[in-house]
Amino acid sequence: MMCGVRNAKAGPKQRILWDSIQPNFGLQVSEKGAKSWYCVAPNRGTGKQTRVCLGRYPATSLADARKAAGAALGAMESRREG
């Protein structure tokens, strides 16, 4: 679980803290300390990743971001199948 969202600190590089509950979902922390929710889905055809920003913390809560990640990942999956 992402219990350290509020305390996540900036580092020398941008990084993503992955969620232990929602797969392919995490909090990106920039070098300057900005925090944004992201989900990432692999594109099986190209081998590249599709990355979707779901909002910024704290304006978007963890619960809302998890719901948005589930919807976004589901939409990406259905596009790949169709």
C-alpha atoms as a PDB file:
ATOM      1  CA  MET A   1       0.000   0.000   0.000  1.00  0.00           C
ATOM      2  CA  MET A   2       1.154   3.535  -0.662  1.00  0.00           C
ATOM      3  CA  CYS A   3       1.335   4.778   2.913  1.00  0.00           C
ATOM      4  CA  GLY A   4       4.292   7.053   2.160  1.00  0.00           C
ATOM      5  CA  VAL A   5       2.651   9.284  -0.445  1.00  0.00           C
ATOM      6  CA  ARG A   6       2.668  12.383   1.721  1.00  0.00           C
ATOM      7  CA  ASN A   7       6.262  11.769   2.830  1.00  0.00           C
ATOM      8  CA  ALA A   8       7.711  10.883  -0.596  1.00  0.00           C
ATOM      9  CA  LYS A   9      10.669  13.156  -1.193  1.00  0.00           C
ATOM     10  CA  ALA A  10      12.333  14.440  -4.331  1.00  0.00           C
ATOM     11  CA  GLY A  11      15.555  12.789  -5.392  1.00  0.00           C
ATOM     12  CA  PRO A  12      18.250  13.351  -8.000  1.00  0.00           C
ATOM     13  CA  LYS A  13      16.026  11.692 -10.638  1.00  0.00           C
ATOM     14  CA  GLN A  14      12.312  11.397 -11.224  1.00  0.00           C
ATOM     15  CA  ARG A  15      10.971   8.052  -9.993  1.00  0.00           C
ATOM     16  CA  ILE A  16       7.769   6.092  -9.696  1.00  0.00           C
ATOM     17  CA  LEU A  17       6.666   4.521  -6.422  1.00  0.00           C
ATOM     18  CA  TRP A  18       4.568   1.531  -7.484  1.00  0.00           C
ATOM     19  CA  ASP A  19       1.345   0.635  -5.689  1.00  0.00           C
ATOM     20  CA  SER A  20       1.114  -2.783  -4.066  1.00  0.00           C
ATOM     21  CA  ILE A  21      -2.667  -3.019  -4.602  1.00  0.00           C
ATOM     22  CA  GLN A  22      -3.363  -1.744  -8.139  1.00  0.00           C
ATOM     23  CA  PRO A  23      -1.002  -3.274 -10.742  1.00  0.00           C
ATOM     24  CA  ASN A  24       0.759  -0.910 -13.178  1.00  0.00           C
ATOM     25  CA  PHE A  25      -0.152   2.135 -11.077  1.00  0.00           C
ATOM     26  CA  GLY A  26       2.088   4.436  -9.116  1.00  0.00           C
ATOM     27  CA  LEU A  27       3.060   7.867  -7.905  1.00  0.00           C
ATOM     28  CA  GLN A  28       5.696   9.700  -9.911  1.00  0.00           C
ATOM     29  CA  VAL A  29       7.867  12.063  -7.874  1.00  0.00           C
ATOM     30  CA  SER A  30       9.839  14.613  -9.896  1.00  0.00           C
ATOM     31  CA  GLU A  31      13.276  15.983  -9.082  1.00  0.00           C
ATOM     32  CA  LYS A  32      11.573  19.101  -7.708  1.00  0.00           C
ATOM     33  CA  GLY A  33       9.086  17.151  -5.588  1.00  0.00           C
ATOM     34  CA  ALA A  34       5.941  17.384  -7.755  1.00  0.00           C
ATOM     35  CA  LYS A  35       3.770  14.269  -7.356  1.00  0.00           C
ATOM     36  CA  SER A  36       1.531  12.845 -10.072  1.00  0.00           C
ATOM     37  CA  TRP A  37      -0.434   9.611 -10.365  1.00  0.00           C
ATOM     38  CA  TYR A  38       0.375   7.419 -13.386  1.00  0.00           C
ATOM     39  CA  CYS A  39      -0.615   4.103 -14.845  1.00  0.00           C
ATOM     40  CA  VAL A  40       1.492   2.238 -17.388  1.00  0.00           C
ATOM     41  CA  ALA A  41       0.424  -0.476 -19.807  1.00  0.00           C
ATOM     42  CA  PRO A  42       2.722  -2.376 -22.160  1.00  0.00           C
ATOM     43  CA  ASN A  43       1.844  -2.364 -25.841  1.00  0.00           C
ATOM     44  CA  ARG A  44       2.373  -5.943 -26.950  1.00  0.00           C
ATOM     45  CA  GLY A  45       2.611  -4.971 -30.607  1.00  0.00           C
ATOM     46  CA  THR A  46       5.408  -2.412 -30.321  1.00  0.00           C
ATOM     47  CA  GLY A  47       7.009  -3.356 -27.017  1.00  0.00           C
ATOM     48  CA  LYS A  48       6.657   0.247 -25.845  1.00  0.00           C
ATOM     49  CA  GLN A  49       4.679   1.422 -22.857  1.00  0.00           C
ATOM     50  CA  THR A  50       1.595   3.610 -22.858  1.00  0.00           C
ATOM     51  CA  ARG A  51       1.682   5.963 -19.907  1.00  0.00           C
ATOM     52  CA  VAL A  52      -1.338   7.911 -18.645  1.00  0.00           C
ATOM     53  CA  CYS A  53      -1.260  10.719 -16.093  1.00  0.00           C
ATOM     54  CA  LEU A  54      -4.274  10.448 -13.788  1.00  0.00           C
ATOM     55  CA  GLY A  55      -3.857  13.678 -11.823  1.00  0.00           C
ATOM     56  CA  ARG A  56      -1.634  15.407  -9.328  1.00  0.00           C
ATOM     57  CA  TYR A  57      -1.310  14.716  -5.641  1.00  0.00           C
ATOM     58  CA  PRO A  58      -2.920  16.003  -3.401  1.00  0.00           C
ATOM     59  CA  ALA A  59      -5.657  17.339  -5.719  1.00  0.00           C
ATOM     60  CA  THR A  60      -6.404  13.741  -6.758  1.00  0.00           C
ATOM     61  CA  SER A  61      -6.662  11.315  -3.851  1.00  0.00           C
ATOM     62  CA  LEU A  62      -5.155   7.833  -3.811  1.00  0.00           C
ATOM     63  CA  ALA A  63      -8.624   6.249  -3.901  1.00  0.00           C
ATOM     64  CA  ASP A  64      -9.717   8.335  -6.893  1.00  0.00           C
ATOM     65  CA  ALA A  65      -6.438   7.681  -8.703  1.00  0.00           C
ATOM     66  CA  ARG A  66      -6.781   3.910  -8.184  1.00  0.00           C
ATOM     67  CA  LYS A  67     -10.299   3.993  -9.650  1.00  0.00           C
ATOM     68  CA  ALA A  68      -9.085   6.051 -12.609  1.00  0.00           C
ATOM     69  CA  ALA A  69      -6.168   3.654 -13.129  1.00  0.00           C
ATOM     70  CA  GLY A  70      -8.504   0.670 -13.240  1.00  0.00           C
ATOM     71  CA  ALA A  71     -10.695   2.403 -15.813  1.00  0.00           C
ATOM     72  CA  ALA A  72      -7.751   3.590 -17.926  1.00  0.00           C
ATOM     73  CA  LEU A  73      -6.030   0.216 -17.917  1.00  0.00           C
ATOM     74  CA  GLY A  74      -9.318  -1.497 -18.803  1.00  0.00           C
ATOM     75  CA  ALA A  75      -9.839   0.898 -21.708  1.00  0.00           C
ATOM     76  CA  MET A  76      -6.278   0.324 -22.970  1.00  0.00           C
ATOM     77  CA  GLU A  77      -6.753  -3.444 -22.766  1.00  0.00           C
ATOM     78  CA  SER A  78     -10.034  -3.358 -24.692  1.00  0.00           C
ATOM     79  CA  ARG A  79      -8.429  -1.235 -27.437  1.00  0.00           C
ATOM     80  CA  ARG A  80      -5.630  -3.776 -27.830  1.00  0.00           C
ATOM     81  CA  GLU A  81      -8.104  -6.655 -28.123  1.00  0.00           C
ATOM     82  CA  GLY A  82     -10.442  -4.908 -30.540  1.00  0.00           C
END
